[in-house]
Amino acid sequence: MNNPVWNQVLTAFEAQRARNEEENDRRRQEIAQKHPDLDALLRQRHELVLGAVRGAFSGGAARNPETVMREYNEKIAWMLQVKGYPADYLDPVRRCPLCGDTGYVYENAIRKQCECLKRAYQEALAKADGNEQETQCFAAFDPLRFPDAALPGTDVNQREYMEVVRNRCQKFADNVGAGPLKTLLLHGGSGLGKTFLLNCVGHEAKERGIETVSVSAYDLLMALKNAYFSRNSDDADSYFDAELLLIDDLGMEPLMENITVEQVYNLLSARLKRGLYTVITTNLSRDELKQRYTERVSSRLLDSRTGMAIAFLGQDIRLIRR
């Protein structure tokens, strides 16, 4: 087993579970604010089920707790649909229905890896192997990897679009150290070439002797958090000082209250004030960035006066190749 890749996959699963909980909380708060009658019903269900369970343990339960739960679930599902929501809107959010994004299932009380975890590891391993075998530079960019199918709602195909994206990234890389645009944000779905072009920018800068530091968003946050609590900035200094900082997979780091947003904001603000260059990839959309990091952070990532944001569109080329 490739331990670094395995740990990377486990970290991604942990981050997914954190995002699931955030979405669960957001939906619950939305219902509480917009639909007090439905919120009251949810609270009644909670209290009655607790009462039924307590009664079962004391031997005084008048009704089966499962019956109580089923009746309330049916009524809540009906009210959600009446109010324009899916019937399962308040069900636990999960990407994998088998393991609940834990990566593990139980068969006959034996803990086993879920198929989604096995698949994620194999895909990450293939990606790591591919990265080692090819030089990630602009000269290695191959537009034929992308399909020539038209992007939805446009008359431009994905291959043509990605050539334009490649050229814009090349222009940014050429201007690192002298250009007015300090931030490059590459956002879009998985498997569209964001990390490849991030590394291309870094490769170009290194070739010109520019100090370049590359880090995953998860490792970056851990370093910033540790520096904050230890009051020792040594572990994080390179992220504030490097002329070019490459941050991969923003949004995959855990969202820690009073830590994540504040530390990301402080880093971006400090780098902008010092005129340093930052390239970031994320699977999050513009709206998701604003929701996760607040307007303070998203405004620094999306401000066209100080940076450039490029949307990656189309089909996942890893799935096409496979």
Protein backbone atom coordinates (compact mmCIF):
# COMPACT_ATOMS: atom_id res chain seq x y z
CA MET A 1 0.00 0.00 0.00
CA ASN A 2 1.18 3.50 -0.82
CA ASN A 3 0.84 5.12 2.61
CA PRO A 4 0.96 8.79 1.49
CA VAL A 5 -1.76 8.15 -1.10
CA TRP A 6 -3.79 6.11 1.40
CA ASN A 7 -3.59 8.89 3.98
CA GLN A 8 -4.60 11.40 1.32
CA VAL A 9 -7.71 9.36 0.52
CA LEU A 10 -8.64 9.00 4.21
CA THR A 11 -8.23 12.75 4.62
CA ALA A 12 -10.55 13.34 1.66
CA PHE A 13 -13.18 11.06 3.24
CA GLU A 14 -12.86 12.93 6.52
CA ALA A 15 -13.33 16.24 4.72
CA GLN A 16 -16.38 14.85 2.90
CA ARG A 17 -17.98 13.87 6.20
CA ALA A 18 -17.31 17.36 7.56
CA ARG A 19 -19.01 18.87 4.49
CA ASN A 20 -21.93 16.48 4.98
CA GLU A 21 -22.40 17.72 8.54
CA GLU A 22 -22.21 21.33 7.41
CA GLU A 23 -24.92 20.72 4.83
CA ASN A 24 -27.07 18.85 7.38
CA ASP A 25 -26.83 21.82 9.75
CA ARG A 26 -27.52 24.33 6.98
CA ARG A 27 -30.70 22.54 5.91
CA ARG A 28 -31.92 22.18 9.47
CA GLN A 29 -31.32 25.88 10.14
CA GLU A 30 -33.04 26.81 6.90
CA ILE A 31 -36.17 24.90 7.90
CA ALA A 32 -36.09 26.39 11.40
CA GLN A 33 -35.91 29.94 10.01
CA LYS A 34 -38.33 29.66 7.09
CA HIS A 35 -40.87 27.10 8.31
CA PRO A 36 -41.53 27.27 12.09
CA ASP A 37 -44.45 24.85 11.81
CA LEU A 38 -42.24 22.16 10.30
CA ASP A 39 -39.50 22.92 12.80
CA ALA A 40 -42.00 22.45 15.63
CA LEU A 41 -42.97 19.07 14.19
CA LEU A 42 -39.31 18.04 14.05
CA ARG A 43 -38.90 18.98 17.70
CA GLN A 44 -42.04 17.06 18.65
CA ARG A 45 -40.73 13.99 16.87
CA HIS A 46 -37.46 14.26 18.74
CA GLU A 47 -39.14 14.60 22.12
CA LEU A 48 -41.75 11.90 21.55
CA VAL A 49 -39.18 9.41 20.31
CA LEU A 50 -37.01 10.12 23.34
CA GLY A 51 -40.05 9.66 25.56
CA ALA A 52 -40.93 6.39 23.87
CA VAL A 53 -37.38 5.10 24.29
CA ARG A 54 -37.34 6.08 27.96
CA GLY A 55 -40.68 4.38 28.41
CA ALA A 56 -39.41 1.22 26.75
CA PHE A 57 -36.50 1.02 29.16
CA SER A 58 -38.79 1.60 32.15
CA GLY A 59 -41.38 -0.84 30.91
CA GLY A 60 -44.03 1.83 30.54
CA ALA A 61 -43.94 2.56 26.79
CA ALA A 62 -47.47 2.95 25.51
CA ARG A 63 -46.49 2.71 21.83
CA ASN A 64 -43.71 1.15 19.84
CA PRO A 65 -40.98 3.76 19.23
CA GLU A 66 -40.59 2.51 15.66
CA THR A 67 -44.27 3.21 15.00
CA VAL A 68 -43.94 6.73 16.40
CA MET A 69 -40.88 7.38 14.27
CA ARG A 70 -42.53 6.06 11.10
CA GLU A 71 -45.63 8.21 11.55
CA TYR A 72 -43.62 11.36 12.13
CA ASN A 73 -41.26 10.60 9.26
CA GLU A 74 -44.22 10.24 6.89
CA LYS A 75 -45.79 13.50 8.05
CA ILE A 76 -42.49 15.40 7.84
CA ALA A 77 -41.80 14.04 4.34
CA TRP A 78 -45.28 15.11 3.25
CA MET A 79 -44.86 18.63 4.67
CA LEU A 80 -41.46 19.01 3.02
CA GLN A 81 -42.97 18.22 -0.38
CA VAL A 82 -45.87 20.60 0.22
CA LYS A 83 -43.34 23.36 0.91
CA GLY A 84 -41.40 22.59 -2.27
CA TYR A 85 -38.57 20.45 -0.87
CA PRO A 86 -37.63 16.86 -1.69
CA ALA A 87 -39.16 14.39 0.75
CA ASP A 88 -35.67 13.35 1.92
CA TYR A 89 -34.35 16.91 2.31
CA LEU A 90 -33.68 16.42 6.03
CA ASP A 91 -32.23 12.93 5.71
CA PRO A 92 -28.52 12.67 6.53
CA VAL A 93 -26.43 13.95 3.60
CA ARG A 94 -24.06 11.31 2.31
CA ARG A 95 -22.28 10.59 -0.95
CA CYS A 96 -22.14 6.82 -0.41
CA PRO A 97 -25.36 5.28 0.93
CA LEU A 98 -23.56 2.09 1.98
CA CYS A 99 -20.92 3.49 4.34
CA GLY A 100 -22.16 7.04 4.93
CA ASP A 101 -18.77 8.28 3.66
CA THR A 102 -16.87 6.56 6.48
CA GLY A 103 -15.20 4.26 3.96
CA TYR A 104 -16.14 1.14 5.91
CA VAL A 105 -19.05 -1.28 6.13
CA TYR A 106 -19.79 -4.19 8.46
CA GLU A 107 -20.58 -7.71 7.33
CA ASN A 108 -21.37 -10.21 10.08
CA ALA A 109 -19.86 -7.77 12.59
CA ILE A 110 -16.61 -7.67 10.58
CA ARG A 111 -15.36 -4.24 9.51
CA LYS A 112 -14.48 -4.10 5.82
CA GLN A 113 -13.50 -1.45 3.32
CA CYS A 114 -16.42 -0.07 1.34
CA GLU A 115 -16.21 -0.28 -2.44
CA CYS A 116 -16.19 3.51 -2.63
CA LEU A 117 -13.03 3.63 -0.51
CA LYS A 118 -11.33 0.98 -2.62
CA ARG A 119 -12.25 2.86 -5.79
CA ALA A 120 -11.05 6.20 -4.42
CA TYR A 121 -7.70 4.69 -3.46
CA GLN A 122 -7.19 3.11 -6.87
CA GLU A 123 -8.03 6.38 -8.62
CA ALA A 124 -5.69 8.36 -6.35
CA LEU A 125 -2.95 5.80 -6.87
CA ALA A 126 -3.34 6.00 -10.64
CA LYS A 127 -3.24 9.79 -10.46
CA ALA A 128 -0.07 9.71 -8.34
CA ASP A 129 1.58 7.24 -10.68
CA GLY A 130 0.65 9.34 -13.68
CA ASN A 131 2.05 12.46 -12.06
CA GLU A 132 5.38 10.73 -11.51
CA GLN A 133 5.60 9.55 -15.12
CA GLU A 134 4.93 12.82 -16.91
CA THR A 135 6.41 16.27 -16.55
CA GLN A 136 3.72 18.73 -15.68
CA CYS A 137 4.65 21.71 -17.81
CA PHE A 138 2.89 23.72 -20.50
CA ALA A 139 4.82 21.94 -23.24
CA ALA A 140 3.28 18.65 -22.08
CA PHE A 141 -0.27 19.99 -22.31
CA ASP A 142 -2.15 17.82 -24.80
CA PRO A 143 -5.49 19.24 -25.99
CA LEU A 144 -6.38 15.88 -27.53
CA ARG A 145 -6.96 14.54 -24.03
CA PHE A 146 -10.13 16.61 -23.93
CA PRO A 147 -13.28 15.67 -25.88
CA ASP A 148 -14.38 17.81 -28.81
CA ALA A 149 -17.99 17.73 -27.61
CA ALA A 150 -19.70 21.09 -27.22
CA LEU A 151 -19.98 22.50 -23.72
CA PRO A 152 -23.62 22.70 -22.56
CA GLY A 153 -25.35 25.84 -23.76
CA THR A 154 -22.46 26.97 -25.99
CA ASP A 155 -21.06 26.41 -29.46
CA VAL A 156 -17.55 25.95 -28.03
CA ASN A 157 -16.22 22.44 -27.47
CA GLN A 158 -14.25 21.37 -24.41
CA ARG A 159 -11.00 20.90 -26.33
CA GLU A 160 -11.06 24.43 -27.74
CA TYR A 161 -12.06 25.86 -24.39
CA MET A 162 -9.19 24.13 -22.57
CA GLU A 163 -6.67 25.48 -25.07
CA VAL A 164 -7.87 28.98 -24.17
CA VAL A 165 -7.60 28.12 -20.46
CA ARG A 166 -4.09 26.77 -20.99
CA ASN A 167 -3.03 30.00 -22.73
CA ARG A 168 -4.45 32.16 -19.94
CA CYS A 169 -2.56 30.13 -17.34
CA GLN A 170 0.59 30.43 -19.42
CA LYS A 171 0.17 34.21 -19.57
CA PHE A 172 -0.26 34.38 -15.79
CA ALA A 173 2.86 32.22 -15.31
CA ASP A 174 4.87 34.46 -17.65
CA ASN A 175 3.92 37.51 -15.56
CA VAL A 176 4.68 36.06 -12.12
CA GLY A 177 7.14 38.49 -10.56
CA ALA A 178 6.10 41.47 -12.63
CA GLY A 179 2.40 41.30 -13.59
CA PRO A 180 -0.42 43.18 -11.81
CA LEU A 181 -2.59 40.09 -11.30
CA LYS A 182 -1.48 38.37 -8.10
CA THR A 183 -4.03 35.57 -7.72
CA LEU A 184 -5.07 32.80 -10.10
CA LEU A 185 -8.10 30.74 -9.08
CA LEU A 186 -8.82 27.53 -11.02
CA HIS A 187 -12.27 26.24 -10.10
CA GLY A 188 -14.50 23.48 -11.41
CA GLY A 189 -15.27 19.78 -11.14
CA SER A 190 -12.85 16.91 -10.69
CA GLY A 191 -10.76 15.53 -13.54
CA LEU A 192 -10.71 18.69 -15.67
CA GLY A 193 -6.99 19.50 -15.46
CA LYS A 194 -6.85 22.07 -12.64
CA THR A 195 -3.98 20.48 -10.72
CA PHE A 196 -2.04 19.85 -13.92
CA LEU A 197 -2.16 23.52 -14.90
CA LEU A 198 -1.43 24.61 -11.34
CA ASN A 199 1.77 22.56 -11.53
CA CYS A 200 2.52 23.97 -14.98
CA VAL A 201 2.49 27.49 -13.53
CA GLY A 202 4.80 26.33 -10.76
CA HIS A 203 7.15 24.60 -13.22
CA GLU A 204 7.36 27.74 -15.36
CA ALA A 205 8.13 29.91 -12.34
CA LYS A 206 10.81 27.58 -11.02
CA GLU A 207 12.46 27.56 -14.45
CA ARG A 208 12.82 31.33 -14.13
CA GLY A 209 14.30 31.06 -10.64
CA ILE A 210 11.20 32.22 -8.77
CA GLU A 211 10.81 30.82 -5.24
CA THR A 212 7.80 28.49 -5.39
CA VAL A 213 6.06 26.57 -2.59
CA SER A 214 3.39 23.94 -3.29
CA VAL A 215 1.00 22.60 -0.66
CA SER A 216 -2.40 20.92 -0.34
CA ALA A 217 -5.13 22.97 1.33
CA TYR A 218 -5.35 20.39 4.11
CA ASP A 219 -1.63 20.53 4.95
CA LEU A 220 -1.68 24.31 4.69
CA LEU A 221 -4.49 24.62 7.23
CA MET A 222 -2.78 22.24 9.64
CA ALA A 223 0.41 24.31 9.46
CA LEU A 224 -1.47 27.59 9.93
CA LYS A 225 -3.47 26.16 12.84
CA ASN A 226 -0.38 24.82 14.57
CA ALA A 227 1.46 28.10 14.13
CA TYR A 228 -1.51 30.00 15.55
CA PHE A 229 -1.89 27.89 18.68
CA SER A 230 1.83 27.47 19.33
CA ARG A 231 2.50 31.16 18.59
CA ASN A 232 5.47 29.94 16.56
CA SER A 233 5.27 30.97 12.92
CA ASP A 234 8.25 28.94 11.73
CA ASP A 235 6.11 26.17 10.22
CA ALA A 236 3.98 28.65 8.28
CA ASP A 237 6.50 31.33 7.30
CA SER A 238 7.17 29.85 3.86
CA TYR A 239 3.49 30.18 2.93
CA PHE A 240 3.55 33.90 3.74
CA ASP A 241 6.96 34.58 2.22
CA ALA A 242 7.24 32.55 -1.01
CA GLU A 243 6.99 34.66 -4.15
CA LEU A 244 4.65 32.05 -5.64
CA LEU A 245 2.39 29.82 -3.51
CA LEU A 246 0.48 26.92 -5.09
CA ILE A 247 -2.52 25.68 -3.05
CA ASP A 248 -4.23 22.53 -4.32
CA ASP A 249 -7.78 21.42 -3.45
CA LEU A 250 -9.08 24.36 -1.43
CA GLY A 251 -12.28 23.13 0.20
CA MET A 252 -10.90 19.71 1.10
CA GLU A 253 -9.55 20.98 4.43
CA PRO A 254 -11.79 20.72 7.53
CA LEU A 255 -13.91 23.77 8.30
CA MET A 256 -12.90 24.55 11.88
CA GLU A 257 -14.90 27.26 13.63
CA ASN A 258 -12.95 30.50 14.13
CA ILE A 259 -9.88 28.92 12.51
CA THR A 260 -10.25 27.90 8.86
CA VAL A 261 -11.84 31.02 7.40
CA GLU A 262 -9.78 33.38 9.56
CA GLN A 263 -6.45 31.73 8.71
CA VAL A 264 -7.18 31.54 4.98
CA TYR A 265 -8.25 35.19 5.03
CA ASN A 266 -5.12 36.28 6.90
CA LEU A 267 -2.86 34.41 4.49
CA LEU A 268 -4.49 35.77 1.33
CA SER A 269 -4.62 39.32 2.69
CA ALA A 270 -0.98 39.26 3.76
CA ARG A 271 0.18 37.94 0.41
CA LEU A 272 -1.85 40.51 -1.53
CA LYS A 273 -0.50 43.36 0.59
CA ARG A 274 3.05 42.21 -0.09
CA GLY A 275 2.44 41.82 -3.83
CA LEU A 276 3.07 38.05 -3.80
CA TYR A 277 1.53 35.56 -6.23
CA THR A 278 -0.88 32.76 -5.36
CA VAL A 279 -2.46 30.01 -7.49
CA ILE A 280 -5.35 28.00 -6.05
CA THR A 281 -7.39 25.05 -7.30
CA THR A 282 -10.79 24.11 -5.91
CA ASN A 283 -13.73 21.91 -6.83
CA LEU A 284 -16.06 24.52 -5.34
CA SER A 285 -18.12 26.88 -7.48
CA ARG A 286 -18.12 30.65 -6.95
CA ASP A 287 -21.31 30.44 -4.86
CA GLU A 288 -19.93 27.56 -2.81
CA LEU A 289 -16.74 29.54 -2.14
CA LYS A 290 -18.79 32.47 -0.85
CA GLN A 291 -20.92 30.19 1.32
CA ARG A 292 -17.97 28.29 2.81
CA TYR A 293 -15.45 31.11 3.27
CA THR A 294 -17.69 34.19 3.55
CA GLU A 295 -17.53 37.31 1.42
CA ARG A 296 -14.26 38.44 3.00
CA VAL A 297 -12.30 35.52 1.57
CA SER A 298 -14.21 35.02 -1.67
CA SER A 299 -13.83 38.70 -2.58
CA ARG A 300 -10.06 38.30 -2.50
CA LEU A 301 -10.23 35.22 -4.69
CA LEU A 302 -12.69 36.66 -7.21
CA ASP A 303 -11.57 40.31 -7.43
CA SER A 304 -10.73 40.90 -11.10
CA ARG A 305 -8.57 43.90 -10.17
CA THR A 306 -6.02 41.76 -8.35
CA GLY A 307 -6.53 38.32 -9.83
CA MET A 308 -8.06 36.04 -12.40
CA ALA A 309 -10.62 33.26 -11.87
CA ILE A 310 -10.96 30.56 -14.52
CA ALA A 311 -13.84 28.10 -14.60
CA PHE A 312 -13.04 24.55 -15.72
CA LEU A 313 -15.95 23.07 -17.65
CA GLY A 314 -16.84 19.82 -19.36
CA GLN A 315 -16.41 16.11 -18.79
CA ASP A 316 -14.02 14.40 -16.36
CA ILE A 317 -11.21 13.30 -18.68
CA ARG A 318 -10.10 10.56 -16.29
CA LEU A 319 -13.44 8.84 -16.71
CA ILE A 320 -13.29 9.29 -20.48
CA ARG A 321 -9.79 7.79 -20.64
CA ARG A 322 -10.81 4.90 -18.43
